[in-house]
Amino acid sequence: MSAAVEVTSSTRPRVSPRFRLQWEEAQQSWVLLYPEGMVKLNGSAGEILKRCDGRRSVAELVAELEAAFSTQGLEDDVIGFLDVALHQHWIEV
């Protein structure tokens, strides 16, 4: 992955095939599973990643999240999280 890759509102992220995103009842949270372990996600991270299917743009993800949680102004926070997720290889763009 190039260091020049960045997340923008038109980016269409998807969860990396190296990970499996699933709801973990025992943890009461979304988790990313991989062969060596598990990443427990906070509620916001889970809500964002479960929408990362490669079809929706970041702008569409933000619109869905803002509608689902009756709020506005999430774009900077969502892009910030997705930048971290990209750096951690949790998502691909």
PDB file of N, CA and C in Angstrom:
ATOM      1  N   MET A   1       0.841  -1.175   0.000  1.00  0.00           N
ATOM      2  CA  MET A   1       0.000   0.000   0.000  1.00  0.00           C
ATOM      3  C   MET A   1       0.885   1.238   0.000  1.00  0.00           C
ATOM      4  N   SER A   2       0.537   2.161  -0.836  1.00  0.00           N
ATOM      5  CA  SER A   2       1.295   3.386  -0.964  1.00  0.00           C
ATOM      6  C   SER A   2       0.987   4.324   0.195  1.00  0.00           C
ATOM      7  N   ALA A   3       2.009   5.058   0.635  1.00  0.00           N
ATOM      8  CA  ALA A   3       1.809   6.034   1.698  1.00  0.00           C
ATOM      9  C   ALA A   3       0.931   7.184   1.211  1.00  0.00           C
ATOM     10  N   ALA A   4       0.799   7.330  -0.112  1.00  0.00           N
ATOM     11  CA  ALA A   4       0.015   8.419  -0.680  1.00  0.00           C
ATOM     12  C   ALA A   4      -1.490   8.151  -0.606  1.00  0.00           C
ATOM     13  N   VAL A   5      -1.892   6.933  -0.285  1.00  0.00           N
ATOM     14  CA  VAL A   5      -3.322   6.612  -0.206  1.00  0.00           C
ATOM     15  C   VAL A   5      -3.919   7.345   0.984  1.00  0.00           C
ATOM     16  N   GLU A   6      -5.037   8.017   0.738  1.00  0.00           N
ATOM     17  CA  GLU A   6      -5.736   8.685   1.827  1.00  0.00           C
ATOM     18  C   GLU A   6      -7.232   8.501   1.656  1.00  0.00           C
ATOM     19  N   VAL A   7      -7.930   8.594   2.749  1.00  0.00           N
ATOM     20  CA  VAL A   7      -9.378   8.446   2.745  1.00  0.00           C
ATOM     21  C   VAL A   7     -10.004   9.808   2.480  1.00  0.00           C
ATOM     22  N   THR A   8     -10.914   9.855   1.514  1.00  0.00           N
ATOM     23  CA  THR A   8     -11.666  11.072   1.200  1.00  0.00           C
ATOM     24  C   THR A   8     -13.156  10.730   1.198  1.00  0.00           C
ATOM     25  N   SER A   9     -13.977  11.722   0.982  1.00  0.00           N
ATOM     26  CA  SER A   9     -15.423  11.473   0.984  1.00  0.00           C
ATOM     27  C   SER A   9     -15.865  10.569  -0.162  1.00  0.00           C
ATOM     28  N   SER A  10     -15.058  10.476  -1.221  1.00  0.00           N
ATOM     29  CA  SER A  10     -15.427   9.616  -2.353  1.00  0.00           C
ATOM     30  C   SER A  10     -14.832   8.203  -2.265  1.00  0.00           C
ATOM     31  N   THR A  11     -13.973   7.969  -1.281  1.00  0.00           N
ATOM     32  CA  THR A  11     -13.371   6.652  -1.088  1.00  0.00           C
ATOM     33  C   THR A  11     -14.461   5.625  -0.800  1.00  0.00           C
ATOM     34  N   ARG A  12     -14.284   4.407  -1.321  1.00  0.00           N
ATOM     35  CA  ARG A  12     -15.230   3.309  -1.075  1.00  0.00           C
ATOM     36  C   ARG A  12     -14.491   2.202  -0.306  1.00  0.00           C
ATOM     37  N   PRO A  13     -14.425   2.339   1.019  1.00  0.00           N
ATOM     38  CA  PRO A  13     -13.667   1.368   1.821  1.00  0.00           C
ATOM     39  C   PRO A  13     -14.403   0.046   1.985  1.00  0.00           C
ATOM     40  N   ARG A  14     -13.617  -1.005   2.185  1.00  0.00           N
ATOM     41  CA  ARG A  14     -14.185  -2.307   2.529  1.00  0.00           C
ATOM     42  C   ARG A  14     -13.274  -2.956   3.560  1.00  0.00           C
ATOM     43  N   VAL A  15     -13.861  -3.796   4.380  1.00  0.00           N
ATOM     44  CA  VAL A  15     -13.066  -4.518   5.381  1.00  0.00           C
ATOM     45  C   VAL A  15     -12.110  -5.433   4.628  1.00  0.00           C
ATOM     46  N   SER A  16     -10.865  -5.423   5.047  1.00  0.00           N
ATOM     47  CA  SER A  16      -9.839  -6.249   4.410  1.00  0.00           C
ATOM     48  C   SER A  16     -10.203  -7.729   4.515  1.00  0.00           C
ATOM     49  N   PRO A  17      -9.918  -8.496   3.444  1.00  0.00           N
ATOM     50  CA  PRO A  17     -10.195  -9.938   3.520  1.00  0.00           C
ATOM     51  C   PRO A  17      -9.332 -10.657   4.560  1.00  0.00           C
ATOM     52  N   ARG A  18      -8.335  -9.990   5.120  1.00  0.00           N
ATOM     53  CA  ARG A  18      -7.514 -10.575   6.184  1.00  0.00           C
ATOM     54  C   ARG A  18      -8.275 -10.663   7.508  1.00  0.00           C
ATOM     55  N   PHE A  19      -9.394  -9.942   7.581  1.00  0.00           N
ATOM     56  CA  PHE A  19     -10.177  -9.863   8.811  1.00  0.00           C
ATOM     57  C   PHE A  19     -11.609 -10.293   8.562  1.00  0.00           C
ATOM     58  N   ARG A  20     -12.258 -10.731   9.619  1.00  0.00           N
ATOM     59  CA  ARG A  20     -13.690 -11.008   9.565  1.00  0.00           C
ATOM     60  C   ARG A  20     -14.349 -10.158  10.637  1.00  0.00           C
ATOM     61  N   LEU A  21     -15.273  -9.321  10.209  1.00  0.00           N
ATOM     62  CA  LEU A  21     -16.019  -8.474  11.133  1.00  0.00           C
ATOM     63  C   LEU A  21     -17.255  -9.235  11.583  1.00  0.00           C
ATOM     64  N   GLN A  22     -17.451  -9.322  12.898  1.00  0.00           N
ATOM     65  CA  GLN A  22     -18.657  -9.988  13.389  1.00  0.00           C
ATOM     66  C   GLN A  22     -19.025  -9.457  14.771  1.00  0.00           C
ATOM     67  N   TRP A  23     -20.324  -9.591  15.076  1.00  0.00           N
ATOM     68  CA  TRP A  23     -20.807  -9.255  16.412  1.00  0.00           C
ATOM     69  C   TRP A  23     -20.429 -10.395  17.336  1.00  0.00           C
ATOM     70  N   GLU A  24     -19.793 -10.089  18.424  1.00  0.00           N
ATOM     71  CA  GLU A  24     -19.375 -11.098  19.406  1.00  0.00           C
ATOM     72  C   GLU A  24     -20.242 -10.937  20.648  1.00  0.00           C
ATOM     73  N   GLU A  25     -21.179 -11.850  20.797  1.00  0.00           N
ATOM     74  CA  GLU A  25     -22.131 -11.779  21.904  1.00  0.00           C
ATOM     75  C   GLU A  25     -21.425 -11.751  23.255  1.00  0.00           C
ATOM     76  N   ALA A  26     -20.407 -12.586  23.423  1.00  0.00           N
ATOM     77  CA  ALA A  26     -19.700 -12.659  24.707  1.00  0.00           C
ATOM     78  C   ALA A  26     -19.036 -11.331  25.053  1.00  0.00           C
ATOM     79  N   GLN A  27     -18.584 -10.602  24.032  1.00  0.00           N
ATOM     80  CA  GLN A  27     -17.937  -9.311  24.245  1.00  0.00           C
ATOM     81  C   GLN A  27     -18.945  -8.159  24.227  1.00  0.00           C
ATOM     82  N   GLN A  28     -20.163  -8.435  23.727  1.00  0.00           N
ATOM     83  CA  GLN A  28     -21.182  -7.403  23.527  1.00  0.00           C
ATOM     84  C   GLN A  28     -20.623  -6.254  22.687  1.00  0.00           C
ATOM     85  N   SER A  29     -19.895  -6.640  21.614  1.00  0.00           N
ATOM     86  CA  SER A  29     -19.314  -5.638  20.726  1.00  0.00           C
ATOM     87  C   SER A  29     -18.976  -6.270  19.384  1.00  0.00           C
ATOM     88  N   TRP A  30     -18.749  -5.385  18.425  1.00  0.00           N
ATOM     89  CA  TRP A  30     -18.224  -5.824  17.139  1.00  0.00           C
ATOM     90  C   TRP A  30     -16.741  -6.107  17.311  1.00  0.00           C
ATOM     91  N   VAL A  31     -16.255  -7.118  16.616  1.00  0.00           N
ATOM     92  CA  VAL A  31     -14.839  -7.480  16.668  1.00  0.00           C
ATOM     93  C   VAL A  31     -14.340  -7.758  15.256  1.00  0.00           C
ATOM     94  N   LEU A  32     -13.044  -7.576  15.090  1.00  0.00           N
ATOM     95  CA  LEU A  32     -12.362  -7.994  13.877  1.00  0.00           C
ATOM     96  C   LEU A  32     -11.550  -9.221  14.240  1.00  0.00           C
ATOM     97  N   LEU A  33     -11.854 -10.334  13.603  1.00  0.00           N
ATOM     98  CA  LEU A  33     -11.125 -11.574  13.863  1.00  0.00           C
ATOM     99  C   LEU A  33     -10.074 -11.776  12.796  1.00  0.00           C
ATOM    100  N   TYR A  34      -8.926 -12.274  13.198  1.00  0.00           N
ATOM    101  CA  TYR A  34      -7.848 -12.620  12.282  1.00  0.00           C
ATOM    102  C   TYR A  34      -7.123 -13.823  12.868  1.00  0.00           C
ATOM    103  N   PRO A  35      -6.293 -14.519  12.074  1.00  0.00           N
ATOM    104  CA  PRO A  35      -5.717 -15.786  12.558  1.00  0.00           C
ATOM    105  C   PRO A  35      -4.981 -15.692  13.895  1.00  0.00           C
ATOM    106  N   GLU A  36      -4.351 -14.556  14.171  1.00  0.00           N
ATOM    107  CA  GLU A  36      -3.569 -14.429  15.401  1.00  0.00           C
ATOM    108  C   GLU A  36      -4.357 -13.872  16.572  1.00  0.00           C
ATOM    109  N   GLY A  37      -5.609 -13.477  16.345  1.00  0.00           N
ATOM    110  CA  GLY A  37      -6.332 -12.906  17.466  1.00  0.00           C
ATOM    111  C   GLY A  37      -7.593 -12.166  17.087  1.00  0.00           C
ATOM    112  N   MET A  38      -7.887 -11.133  17.888  1.00  0.00           N
ATOM    113  CA  MET A  38      -9.131 -10.406  17.756  1.00  0.00           C
ATOM    114  C   MET A  38      -8.906  -8.948  18.167  1.00  0.00           C
ATOM    115  N   VAL A  39      -9.564  -8.050  17.450  1.00  0.00           N
ATOM    116  CA  VAL A  39      -9.586  -6.637  17.817  1.00  0.00           C
ATOM    117  C   VAL A  39     -11.001  -6.318  18.264  1.00  0.00           C
ATOM    118  N   LYS A  40     -11.164  -5.924  19.517  1.00  0.00           N
ATOM    119  CA  LYS A  40     -12.481  -5.525  20.030  1.00  0.00           C
ATOM    120  C   LYS A  40     -12.690  -4.057  19.666  1.00  0.00           C
ATOM    121  N   LEU A  41     -13.790  -3.773  18.998  1.00  0.00           N
ATOM    122  CA  LEU A  41     -14.079  -2.425  18.531  1.00  0.00           C
ATOM    123  C   LEU A  41     -15.044  -1.722  19.474  1.00  0.00           C
ATOM    124  N   ASN A  42     -14.872  -0.414  19.612  1.00  0.00           N
ATOM    125  CA  ASN A  42     -15.882   0.336  20.360  1.00  0.00           C
ATOM    126  C   ASN A  42     -17.118   0.479  19.479  1.00  0.00           C
ATOM    127  N   GLY A  43     -18.191   0.982  20.038  1.00  0.00           N
ATOM    128  CA  GLY A  43     -19.452   1.064  19.309  1.00  0.00           C
ATOM    129  C   GLY A  43     -19.368   1.855  18.023  1.00  0.00           C
ATOM    130  N   SER A  44     -18.695   2.990  18.060  1.00  0.00           N
ATOM    131  CA  SER A  44     -18.578   3.828  16.864  1.00  0.00           C
ATOM    132  C   SER A  44     -17.802   3.119  15.764  1.00  0.00           C
ATOM    133  N   ALA A  45     -16.693   2.495  16.123  1.00  0.00           N
ATOM    134  CA  ALA A  45     -15.876   1.782  15.135  1.00  0.00           C
ATOM    135  C   ALA A  45     -16.674   0.654  14.494  1.00  0.00           C
ATOM    136  N   GLY A  46     -17.425  -0.082  15.291  1.00  0.00           N
ATOM    137  CA  GLY A  46     -18.246  -1.160  14.760  1.00  0.00           C
ATOM    138  C   GLY A  46     -19.302  -0.644  13.796  1.00  0.00           C
ATOM    139  N   GLU A  47     -19.949   0.463  14.162  1.00  0.00           N
ATOM    140  CA  GLU A  47     -20.979   1.039  13.295  1.00  0.00           C
ATOM    141  C   GLU A  47     -20.392   1.493  11.962  1.00  0.00           C
ATOM    142  N   ILE A  48     -19.191   2.032  11.992  1.00  0.00           N
ATOM    143  CA  ILE A  48     -18.542   2.467  10.748  1.00  0.00           C
ATOM    144  C   ILE A  48     -18.126   1.253   9.920  1.00  0.00           C
ATOM    145  N   LEU A  49     -17.399   0.321  10.534  1.00  0.00           N
ATOM    146  CA  LEU A  49     -16.864  -0.810   9.770  1.00  0.00           C
ATOM    147  C   LEU A  49     -17.941  -1.720   9.211  1.00  0.00           C
ATOM    148  N   LYS A  50     -19.060  -1.862   9.897  1.00  0.00           N
ATOM    149  CA  LYS A  50     -20.099  -2.749   9.357  1.00  0.00           C
ATOM    150  C   LYS A  50     -20.720  -2.179   8.087  1.00  0.00           C
ATOM    151  N   ARG A  51     -20.474  -0.911   7.815  1.00  0.00           N
ATOM    152  CA  ARG A  51     -20.961  -0.280   6.588  1.00  0.00           C
ATOM    153  C   ARG A  51     -19.899  -0.251   5.482  1.00  0.00           C
ATOM    154  N   CYS A  52     -18.695  -0.701   5.790  1.00  0.00           N
ATOM    155  CA  CYS A  52     -17.593  -0.677   4.811  1.00  0.00           C
ATOM    156  C   CYS A  52     -17.645  -1.932   3.946  1.00  0.00           C
ATOM    157  N   ASP A  53     -18.396  -1.851   2.854  1.00  0.00           N
ATOM    158  CA  ASP A  53     -18.596  -3.003   1.983  1.00  0.00           C
ATOM    159  C   ASP A  53     -17.995  -2.810   0.590  1.00  0.00           C
ATOM    160  N   GLY A  54     -17.322  -1.682   0.363  1.00  0.00           N
ATOM    161  CA  GLY A  54     -16.717  -1.424  -0.941  1.00  0.00           C
ATOM    162  C   GLY A  54     -17.685  -0.830  -1.948  1.00  0.00           C
ATOM    163  N   ARG A  55     -18.957  -0.805  -1.615  1.00  0.00           N
ATOM    164  CA  ARG A  55     -19.960  -0.225  -2.521  1.00  0.00           C
ATOM    165  C   ARG A  55     -20.310   1.203  -2.120  1.00  0.00           C
ATOM    166  N   ARG A  56     -20.360   1.456  -0.823  1.00  0.00           N
ATOM    167  CA  ARG A  56     -20.719   2.784  -0.331  1.00  0.00           C
ATOM    168  C   ARG A  56     -19.480   3.680  -0.256  1.00  0.00           C
ATOM    169  N   SER A  57     -19.664   4.941  -0.623  1.00  0.00           N
ATOM    170  CA  SER A  57     -18.590   5.919  -0.440  1.00  0.00           C
ATOM    171  C   SER A  57     -18.590   6.373   1.022  1.00  0.00           C
ATOM    172  N   VAL A  58     -17.516   7.013   1.418  1.00  0.00           N
ATOM    173  CA  VAL A  58     -17.455   7.565   2.771  1.00  0.00           C
ATOM    174  C   VAL A  58     -18.594   8.562   2.970  1.00  0.00           C
ATOM    175  N   ALA A  59     -18.883   9.371   1.956  1.00  0.00           N
ATOM    176  CA  ALA A  59     -19.998  10.329   2.070  1.00  0.00           C
ATOM    177  C   ALA A  59     -21.310   9.601   2.340  1.00  0.00           C
ATOM    178  N   GLU A  60     -21.531   8.465   1.682  1.00  0.00           N
ATOM    179  CA  GLU A  60     -22.744   7.677   1.919  1.00  0.00           C
ATOM    180  C   GLU A  60     -22.748   7.073   3.325  1.00  0.00           C
ATOM    181  N   LEU A  61     -21.579   6.592   3.769  1.00  0.00           N
ATOM    182  CA  LEU A  61     -21.475   6.048   5.129  1.00  0.00           C
ATOM    183  C   LEU A  61     -21.826   7.116   6.151  1.00  0.00           C
ATOM    184  N   VAL A  62     -21.274   8.307   5.954  1.00  0.00           N
ATOM    185  CA  VAL A  62     -21.524   9.412   6.881  1.00  0.00           C
ATOM    186  C   VAL A  62     -23.017   9.746   6.901  1.00  0.00           C
ATOM    187  N   ALA A  63     -23.627   9.832   5.739  1.00  0.00           N
ATOM    188  CA  ALA A  63     -25.062  10.148   5.666  1.00  0.00           C
ATOM    189  C   ALA A  63     -25.881   9.095   6.404  1.00  0.00           C
ATOM    190  N   GLU A  64     -25.536   7.808   6.235  1.00  0.00           N
ATOM    191  CA  GLU A  64     -26.248   6.738   6.941  1.00  0.00           C
ATOM    192  C   GLU A  64     -26.076   6.852   8.450  1.00  0.00           C
ATOM    193  N   LEU A  65     -24.849   7.110   8.884  1.00  0.00           N
ATOM    194  CA  LEU A  65     -24.586   7.234  10.318  1.00  0.00           C
ATOM    195  C   LEU A  65     -25.307   8.432  10.910  1.00  0.00           C
ATOM    196  N   GLU A  66     -25.272   9.563  10.209  1.00  0.00           N
ATOM    197  CA  GLU A  66     -25.953  10.756  10.709  1.00  0.00           C
ATOM    198  C   GLU A  66     -27.459  10.528  10.799  1.00  0.00           C
ATOM    199  N   ALA A  67     -28.033   9.816   9.836  1.00  0.00           N
ATOM    200  CA  ALA A  67     -29.463   9.507   9.879  1.00  0.00           C
ATOM    201  C   ALA A  67     -29.775   8.516  11.005  1.00  0.00           C
ATOM    202  N   ALA A  68     -28.940   7.484  11.132  1.00  0.00           N
ATOM    203  CA  ALA A  68     -29.181   6.446  12.134  1.00  0.00           C
ATOM    204  C   ALA A  68     -29.101   6.984  13.556  1.00  0.00           C
ATOM    205  N   PHE A  69     -28.235   7.965  13.777  1.00  0.00           N
ATOM    206  CA  PHE A  69     -28.014   8.465  15.131  1.00  0.00           C
ATOM    207  C   PHE A  69     -28.503   9.899  15.322  1.00  0.00           C
ATOM    208  N   SER A  70     -29.286  10.389  14.364  1.00  0.00           N
ATOM    209  CA  SER A  70     -29.896  11.724  14.450  1.00  0.00           C
ATOM    210  C   SER A  70     -28.890  12.797  14.852  1.00  0.00           C
ATOM    211  N   THR A  71     -27.806  12.869  14.092  1.00  0.00           N
ATOM    212  CA  THR A  71     -26.765  13.855  14.372  1.00  0.00           C
ATOM    213  C   THR A  71     -26.191  14.366  13.060  1.00  0.00           C
ATOM    214  N   GLN A  72     -25.349  15.370  13.150  1.00  0.00           N
ATOM    215  CA  GLN A  72     -24.698  15.957  11.978  1.00  0.00           C
ATOM    216  C   GLN A  72     -23.217  16.154  12.273  1.00  0.00           C
ATOM    217  N   GLY A  73     -22.437  16.378  11.216  1.00  0.00           N
ATOM    218  CA  GLY A  73     -21.033  16.741  11.387  1.00  0.00           C
ATOM    219  C   GLY A  73     -20.094  15.593  11.707  1.00  0.00           C
ATOM    220  N   LEU A  74     -20.406  14.390  11.242  1.00  0.00           N
ATOM    221  CA  LEU A  74     -19.565  13.224  11.556  1.00  0.00           C
ATOM    222  C   LEU A  74     -18.429  12.981  10.561  1.00  0.00           C
ATOM    223  N   GLU A  75     -18.435  13.678   9.437  1.00  0.00           N
ATOM    224  CA  GLU A  75     -17.488  13.341   8.371  1.00  0.00           C
ATOM    225  C   GLU A  75     -16.027  13.355   8.827  1.00  0.00           C
ATOM    226  N   ASP A  76     -15.593  14.387   9.528  1.00  0.00           N
ATOM    227  CA  ASP A  76     -14.180  14.450   9.950  1.00  0.00           C
ATOM    228  C   ASP A  76     -13.819  13.289  10.868  1.00  0.00           C
ATOM    229  N   ASP A  77     -14.718  12.956  11.797  1.00  0.00           N
ATOM    230  CA  ASP A  77     -14.447  11.839  12.720  1.00  0.00           C
ATOM    231  C   ASP A  77     -14.413  10.503  11.984  1.00  0.00           C
ATOM    232  N   VAL A  78     -15.327  10.310  11.044  1.00  0.00           N
ATOM    233  CA  VAL A  78     -15.364   9.054  10.282  1.00  0.00           C
ATOM    234  C   VAL A  78     -14.104   8.931   9.433  1.00  0.00           C
ATOM    235  N   ILE A  79     -13.722   9.991   8.751  1.00  0.00           N
ATOM    236  CA  ILE A  79     -12.503   9.950   7.935  1.00  0.00           C
ATOM    237  C   ILE A  79     -11.285   9.714   8.821  1.00  0.00           C
ATOM    238  N   GLY A  80     -11.237  10.355   9.974  1.00  0.00           N
ATOM    239  CA  GLY A  80     -10.120  10.137  10.900  1.00  0.00           C
ATOM    240  C   GLY A  80     -10.019   8.682  11.326  1.00  0.00           C
ATOM    241  N   PHE A  81     -11.152   8.077  11.680  1.00  0.00           N
ATOM    242  CA  PHE A  81     -11.132   6.661  12.057  1.00  0.00           C
ATOM    243  C   PHE A  81     -10.713   5.791  10.884  1.00  0.00           C
ATOM    244  N   LEU A  82     -11.260   6.060   9.691  1.00  0.00           N
ATOM    245  CA  LEU A  82     -10.922   5.242   8.522  1.00  0.00           C
ATOM    246  C   LEU A  82      -9.458   5.376   8.143  1.00  0.00           C
ATOM    247  N   ASP A  83      -8.853   6.542   8.373  1.00  0.00           N
ATOM    248  CA  ASP A  83      -7.405   6.690   8.153  1.00  0.00           C
ATOM    249  C   ASP A  83      -6.629   5.746   9.069  1.00  0.00           C
ATOM    250  N   VAL A  84      -7.045   5.678  10.336  1.00  0.00           N
ATOM    251  CA  VAL A  84      -6.407   4.751  11.285  1.00  0.00           C
ATOM    252  C   VAL A  84      -6.636   3.310  10.842  1.00  0.00           C
ATOM    253  N   ALA A  85      -7.878   2.985  10.468  1.00  0.00           N
ATOM    254  CA  ALA A  85      -8.202   1.626  10.027  1.00  0.00           C
ATOM    255  C   ALA A  85      -7.393   1.230   8.796  1.00  0.00           C
ATOM    256  N   LEU A  86      -7.192   2.172   7.884  1.00  0.00           N
ATOM    257  CA  LEU A  86      -6.375   1.902   6.692  1.00  0.00           C
ATOM    258  C   LEU A  86      -4.931   1.634   7.093  1.00  0.00           C
ATOM    259  N   HIS A  87      -4.397   2.448   7.989  1.00  0.00           N
ATOM    260  CA  HIS A  87      -3.022   2.267   8.476  1.00  0.00           C
ATOM    261  C   HIS A  87      -2.853   0.920   9.189  1.00  0.00           C
ATOM    262  N   GLN A  88      -3.908   0.469   9.886  1.00  0.00           N
ATOM    263  CA  GLN A  88      -3.877  -0.820  10.597  1.00  0.00           C
ATOM    264  C   GLN A  88      -4.172  -2.000   9.676  1.00  0.00           C
ATOM    265  N   HIS A  89      -4.478  -1.692   8.395  1.00  0.00           N
ATOM    266  CA  HIS A  89      -4.817  -2.709   7.391  1.00  0.00           C
ATOM    267  C   HIS A  89      -6.154  -3.383   7.653  1.00  0.00           C
ATOM    268  N   TRP A  90      -7.016  -2.737   8.443  1.00  0.00           N
ATOM    269  CA  TRP A  90      -8.347  -3.280   8.707  1.00  0.00           C
ATOM    270  C   TRP A  90      -9.256  -3.095   7.490  1.00  0.00           C
ATOM    271  N   ILE A  91      -8.989  -2.037   6.705  1.00  0.00           N
ATOM    272  CA  ILE A  91      -9.778  -1.776   5.510  1.00  0.00           C
ATOM    273  C   ILE A  91      -8.862  -1.643   4.311  1.00  0.00           C
ATOM    274  N   GLU A  92      -9.482  -1.749   3.132  1.00  0.00           N
ATOM    275  CA  GLU A  92      -8.819  -1.491   1.867  1.00  0.00           C
ATOM    276  C   GLU A  92      -9.652  -0.440   1.156  1.00  0.00           C
ATOM    277  N   VAL A  93      -9.002   0.334   0.292  1.00  0.00           N
ATOM    278  CA  VAL A  93      -9.720   1.343  -0.482  1.00  0.00           C
ATOM    279  C   VAL A  93      -9.464   1.150  -1.964  1.00  0.00           C
TER     280      VAL A  93
END
